[in-house]
């Protein structure tokens, strides 16, 4: 069994870096998602006892004092930390500028979704998952699509 400090990659690409004991996460360790973001925790026989999740953009999740996107303040984290863009220039996603969506696809937050194949790929076009009926309907209803127009106007010559 795995013991000591090491790296372990799960089938979907998530990687654990930290202490192992008797084949389990035990002690200080971090789970890193392939699309970014990490959960750093103190583990006890495979279970986290205390930890914190940090999103790709540096935002740290806090259960008690979660003030981000709470219904009253709908700003993206980059707008909170870096300020607003000038009037007339829309910020459509937390990532600015947003990823360019392939033709016929949707940006579902962790990658692109093709409704014809029902496959979600990450932003580097690596397979993530097949969408079930509920996720398919949610993406079609709520996500940004390749043919959406932005509020930005074309620059005048």
C-alpha atoms as a PDB file:
ATOM      1  CA  UNK A   1       0.000   0.000   0.000  1.00  0.00           C
ATOM      2  CA  UNK A   2       1.019   3.598  -0.567  1.00  0.00           C
ATOM      3  CA  UNK A   3       2.735   5.279   2.384  1.00  0.00           C
ATOM      4  CA  UNK A   4       4.666   8.520   2.900  1.00  0.00           C
ATOM      5  CA  UNK A   5       4.463  11.569   0.647  1.00  0.00           C
ATOM      6  CA  UNK A   6       3.305  11.051  -2.910  1.00  0.00           C
ATOM      7  CA  UNK A   7       1.208  11.897  -5.916  1.00  0.00           C
ATOM      8  CA  UNK A   8      -1.874   9.984  -6.999  1.00  0.00           C
ATOM      9  CA  UNK A   9      -3.882  10.724 -10.159  1.00  0.00           C
ATOM     10  CA  UNK A  10      -7.538   9.682 -10.219  1.00  0.00           C
ATOM     11  CA  UNK A  11      -9.142   8.420 -13.480  1.00  0.00           C
ATOM     12  CA  UNK A  12     -10.794  11.786 -14.345  1.00  0.00           C
ATOM     13  CA  UNK A  13      -7.478  13.638 -13.989  1.00  0.00           C
ATOM     14  CA  UNK A  14      -7.825  14.984 -10.441  1.00  0.00           C
ATOM     15  CA  UNK A  15      -4.483  14.691  -8.662  1.00  0.00           C
ATOM     16  CA  UNK A  16      -3.768  14.221  -4.962  1.00  0.00           C
ATOM     17  CA  UNK A  17      -0.459  15.512  -3.606  1.00  0.00           C
ATOM     18  CA  UNK A  18       0.328  14.870   0.009  1.00  0.00           C
ATOM     19  CA  UNK A  19       0.726  12.357   2.795  1.00  0.00           C
ATOM     20  CA  UNK A  20      -0.492   8.793   2.435  1.00  0.00           C
ATOM     21  CA  UNK A  21      -0.921   6.090   5.071  1.00  0.00           C
ATOM     22  CA  UNK A  22      -2.052   2.506   4.501  1.00  0.00           C
ATOM     23  CA  UNK A  23      -3.196   3.433   0.975  1.00  0.00           C
ATOM     24  CA  UNK A  24      -5.343   6.392   2.138  1.00  0.00           C
ATOM     25  CA  UNK A  25      -4.997  10.163   2.181  1.00  0.00           C
ATOM     26  CA  UNK A  26      -3.720  10.886   5.683  1.00  0.00           C
ATOM     27  CA  UNK A  27      -2.175  14.129   6.981  1.00  0.00           C
ATOM     28  CA  UNK A  28      -1.675  17.300   4.918  1.00  0.00           C
ATOM     29  CA  UNK A  29      -2.710  16.955   1.281  1.00  0.00           C
ATOM     30  CA  UNK A  30      -4.254  18.699  -1.694  1.00  0.00           C
ATOM     31  CA  UNK A  31      -6.652  17.563  -4.421  1.00  0.00           C
ATOM     32  CA  UNK A  32      -6.073  19.487  -7.664  1.00  0.00           C
ATOM     33  CA  UNK A  33      -8.713  19.524 -10.383  1.00  0.00           C
ATOM     34  CA  UNK A  34      -7.480  19.268 -13.991  1.00  0.00           C
ATOM     35  CA  UNK A  35      -9.464  22.409 -14.930  1.00  0.00           C
ATOM     36  CA  UNK A  36      -7.996  24.354 -12.002  1.00  0.00           C
ATOM     37  CA  UNK A  37      -8.975  24.808  -8.418  1.00  0.00           C
ATOM     38  CA  UNK A  38      -7.762  22.832  -5.441  1.00  0.00           C
ATOM     39  CA  UNK A  39      -8.973  21.472  -2.114  1.00  0.00           C
ATOM     40  CA  UNK A  40      -6.272  21.649   0.564  1.00  0.00           C
ATOM     41  CA  UNK A  41      -7.106  19.686   3.697  1.00  0.00           C
ATOM     42  CA  UNK A  42      -5.971  17.776   6.720  1.00  0.00           C
ATOM     43  CA  UNK A  43      -6.985  14.166   6.080  1.00  0.00           C
ATOM     44  CA  UNK A  44      -7.658  11.390   8.579  1.00  0.00           C
ATOM     45  CA  UNK A  45      -7.765   7.875   7.077  1.00  0.00           C
ATOM     46  CA  UNK A  46      -9.131   9.095   3.744  1.00  0.00           C
ATOM     47  CA  UNK A  47     -11.605  11.662   5.100  1.00  0.00           C
ATOM     48  CA  UNK A  48     -11.000  15.437   5.243  1.00  0.00           C
ATOM     49  CA  UNK A  49     -11.248  16.808   8.788  1.00  0.00           C
ATOM     50  CA  UNK A  50     -10.653  20.456   7.898  1.00  0.00           C
ATOM     51  CA  UNK A  51      -9.952  22.072   4.561  1.00  0.00           C
ATOM     52  CA  UNK A  52     -10.510  24.875   2.124  1.00  0.00           C
ATOM     53  CA  UNK A  53     -11.382  24.934  -1.580  1.00  0.00           C
ATOM     54  CA  UNK A  54      -9.712  27.563  -3.765  1.00  0.00           C
ATOM     55  CA  UNK A  55     -11.125  28.251  -7.227  1.00  0.00           C
ATOM     56  CA  UNK A  56      -8.891  28.737 -10.277  1.00  0.00           C
ATOM     57  CA  UNK A  57      -9.091  32.535 -10.007  1.00  0.00           C
ATOM     58  CA  UNK A  58      -7.930  32.555  -6.356  1.00  0.00           C
ATOM     59  CA  UNK A  59     -11.366  32.898  -4.717  1.00  0.00           C
ATOM     60  CA  UNK A  60     -11.486  30.835  -1.510  1.00  0.00           C
ATOM     61  CA  UNK A  61     -14.748  29.156  -0.552  1.00  0.00           C
ATOM     62  CA  UNK A  62     -15.960  29.876   2.978  1.00  0.00           C
ATOM     63  CA  UNK A  63     -19.060  28.167   4.360  1.00  0.00           C
ATOM     64  CA  UNK A  64     -19.791  30.693   7.114  1.00  0.00           C
ATOM     65  CA  UNK A  65     -19.001  34.054   5.469  1.00  0.00           C
ATOM     66  CA  UNK A  66     -19.676  33.350   1.786  1.00  0.00           C
ATOM     67  CA  UNK A  67     -20.281  36.788   0.261  1.00  0.00           C
ATOM     68  CA  UNK A  68     -19.682  35.952  -3.392  1.00  0.00           C
ATOM     69  CA  UNK A  69     -22.670  35.787  -5.749  1.00  0.00           C
ATOM     70  CA  UNK A  70     -25.196  35.909  -2.905  1.00  0.00           C
ATOM     71  CA  UNK A  71     -28.202  37.365  -4.744  1.00  0.00           C
ATOM     72  CA  UNK A  72     -27.475  40.966  -3.741  1.00  0.00           C
ATOM     73  CA  UNK A  73     -24.026  41.237  -5.288  1.00  0.00           C
ATOM     74  CA  UNK A  74     -23.883  39.516  -8.692  1.00  0.00           C
ATOM     75  CA  UNK A  75     -20.369  40.656  -9.672  1.00  0.00           C
ATOM     76  CA  UNK A  76     -17.797  38.176 -10.928  1.00  0.00           C
ATOM     77  CA  UNK A  77     -14.859  37.588  -8.590  1.00  0.00           C
ATOM     78  CA  UNK A  78     -12.502  39.321 -11.055  1.00  0.00           C
ATOM     79  CA  UNK A  79     -14.777  42.397 -10.885  1.00  0.00           C
ATOM     80  CA  UNK A  80     -14.629  42.339  -7.090  1.00  0.00           C
ATOM     81  CA  UNK A  81     -10.841  42.023  -7.004  1.00  0.00           C
ATOM     82  CA  UNK A  82      -9.942  44.167 -10.057  1.00  0.00           C
ATOM     83  CA  UNK A  83     -12.880  46.548 -10.478  1.00  0.00           C
ATOM     84  CA  UNK A  84     -15.451  47.075 -13.194  1.00  0.00           C
ATOM     85  CA  UNK A  85     -14.745  47.536 -16.879  1.00  0.00           C
ATOM     86  CA  UNK A  86     -15.655  50.903 -18.452  1.00  0.00           C
ATOM     87  CA  UNK A  87     -19.333  51.509 -19.299  1.00  0.00           C
ATOM     88  CA  UNK A  88     -20.471  49.833 -22.507  1.00  0.00           C
ATOM     89  CA  UNK A  89     -17.986  46.958 -22.266  1.00  0.00           C
ATOM     90  CA  UNK A  90     -19.683  43.820 -20.981  1.00  0.00           C
ATOM     91  CA  UNK A  91     -17.946  41.158 -18.908  1.00  0.00           C
ATOM     92  CA  UNK A  92     -19.733  37.917 -19.785  1.00  0.00           C
ATOM     93  CA  UNK A  93     -17.779  35.467 -17.622  1.00  0.00           C
ATOM     94  CA  UNK A  94     -15.383  35.537 -14.697  1.00  0.00           C
ATOM     95  CA  UNK A  95     -12.597  34.857 -17.189  1.00  0.00           C
ATOM     96  CA  UNK A  96     -11.915  38.053 -19.115  1.00  0.00           C
ATOM     97  CA  UNK A  97     -11.712  37.894 -22.057  1.00  0.00           C
ATOM     98  CA  UNK A  98     -13.991  34.829 -22.171  1.00  0.00           C
ATOM     99  CA  UNK A  99     -13.013  31.648 -24.013  1.00  0.00           C
ATOM    100  CA  UNK A 100     -14.004  31.547 -27.674  1.00  0.00           C
ATOM    101  CA  UNK A 101     -16.689  28.894 -27.978  1.00  0.00           C
ATOM    102  CA  UNK A 102     -16.431  26.442 -30.902  1.00  0.00           C
ATOM    103  CA  UNK A 103     -19.190  26.713 -33.514  1.00  0.00           C
ATOM    104  CA  UNK A 104     -22.431  25.042 -32.413  1.00  0.00           C
ATOM    105  CA  UNK A 105     -21.256  24.572 -28.805  1.00  0.00           C
ATOM    106  CA  UNK A 106     -22.008  26.050 -25.370  1.00  0.00           C
ATOM    107  CA  UNK A 107     -19.671  27.227 -22.590  1.00  0.00           C
ATOM    108  CA  UNK A 108     -20.845  25.288 -19.515  1.00  0.00           C
ATOM    109  CA  UNK A 109     -18.275  26.653 -17.044  1.00  0.00           C
ATOM    110  CA  UNK A 110     -15.771  23.815 -16.949  1.00  0.00           C
ATOM    111  CA  UNK A 111     -15.573  23.319 -20.704  1.00  0.00           C
ATOM    112  CA  UNK A 112     -17.519  23.251 -23.949  1.00  0.00           C
ATOM    113  CA  UNK A 113     -20.683  21.257 -24.606  1.00  0.00           C
ATOM    114  CA  UNK A 114     -21.712  19.981 -28.032  1.00  0.00           C
ATOM    115  CA  UNK A 115     -25.494  19.324 -28.006  1.00  0.00           C
ATOM    116  CA  UNK A 116     -25.266  17.038 -31.060  1.00  0.00           C
ATOM    117  CA  UNK A 117     -22.826  14.603 -29.426  1.00  0.00           C
ATOM    118  CA  UNK A 118     -23.870  15.415 -25.812  1.00  0.00           C
ATOM    119  CA  UNK A 119     -20.195  15.491 -24.816  1.00  0.00           C
ATOM    120  CA  UNK A 120     -18.493  18.021 -22.512  1.00  0.00           C
ATOM    121  CA  UNK A 121     -14.798  18.649 -23.171  1.00  0.00           C
ATOM    122  CA  UNK A 122     -12.474  20.883 -21.162  1.00  0.00           C
ATOM    123  CA  UNK A 123     -11.072  24.092 -22.598  1.00  0.00           C
ATOM    124  CA  UNK A 124      -8.151  22.123 -24.069  1.00  0.00           C
ATOM    125  CA  UNK A 125     -10.686  19.828 -25.849  1.00  0.00           C
ATOM    126  CA  UNK A 126     -10.050  16.834 -23.544  1.00  0.00           C
ATOM    127  CA  UNK A 127     -13.092  14.634 -22.757  1.00  0.00           C
ATOM    128  CA  UNK A 128     -14.748  15.367 -19.406  1.00  0.00           C
ATOM    129  CA  UNK A 129     -18.134  13.605 -19.476  1.00  0.00           C
ATOM    130  CA  UNK A 130     -21.314  12.700 -21.325  1.00  0.00           C
ATOM    131  CA  UNK A 131     -24.236  14.943 -20.380  1.00  0.00           C
ATOM    132  CA  UNK A 132     -27.398  13.302 -19.080  1.00  0.00           C
ATOM    133  CA  UNK A 133     -30.849  14.667 -19.980  1.00  0.00           C
ATOM    134  CA  UNK A 134     -31.000  17.055 -16.996  1.00  0.00           C
ATOM    135  CA  UNK A 135     -27.574  18.591 -17.701  1.00  0.00           C
ATOM    136  CA  UNK A 136     -28.363  18.816 -21.434  1.00  0.00           C
ATOM    137  CA  UNK A 137     -31.560  20.786 -20.742  1.00  0.00           C
ATOM    138  CA  UNK A 138     -29.834  23.022 -18.168  1.00  0.00           C
ATOM    139  CA  UNK A 139     -26.970  23.879 -20.559  1.00  0.00           C
ATOM    140  CA  UNK A 140     -29.347  24.691 -23.423  1.00  0.00           C
ATOM    141  CA  UNK A 141     -31.430  26.898 -21.120  1.00  0.00           C
ATOM    142  CA  UNK A 142     -28.711  28.796 -19.230  1.00  0.00           C
ATOM    143  CA  UNK A 143     -25.263  28.689 -20.827  1.00  0.00           C
ATOM    144  CA  UNK A 144     -23.527  31.052 -23.213  1.00  0.00           C
ATOM    145  CA  UNK A 145     -23.548  29.751 -26.789  1.00  0.00           C
ATOM    146  CA  UNK A 146     -21.188  30.324 -29.703  1.00  0.00           C
ATOM    147  CA  UNK A 147     -23.706  32.384 -31.652  1.00  0.00           C
ATOM    148  CA  UNK A 148     -24.506  34.804 -28.804  1.00  0.00           C
ATOM    149  CA  UNK A 149     -23.650  38.390 -29.578  1.00  0.00           C
ATOM    150  CA  UNK A 150     -21.785  40.476 -27.025  1.00  0.00           C
ATOM    151  CA  UNK A 151     -22.856  43.944 -25.967  1.00  0.00           C
ATOM    152  CA  UNK A 152     -19.603  45.327 -27.316  1.00  0.00           C
ATOM    153  CA  UNK A 153     -19.850  47.239 -30.551  1.00  0.00           C
ATOM    154  CA  UNK A 154     -17.479  46.877 -33.463  1.00  0.00           C
ATOM    155  CA  UNK A 155     -14.878  49.651 -33.418  1.00  0.00           C
ATOM    156  CA  UNK A 156     -15.614  52.380 -35.941  1.00  0.00           C
ATOM    157  CA  UNK A 157     -12.865  53.090 -38.495  1.00  0.00           C
END
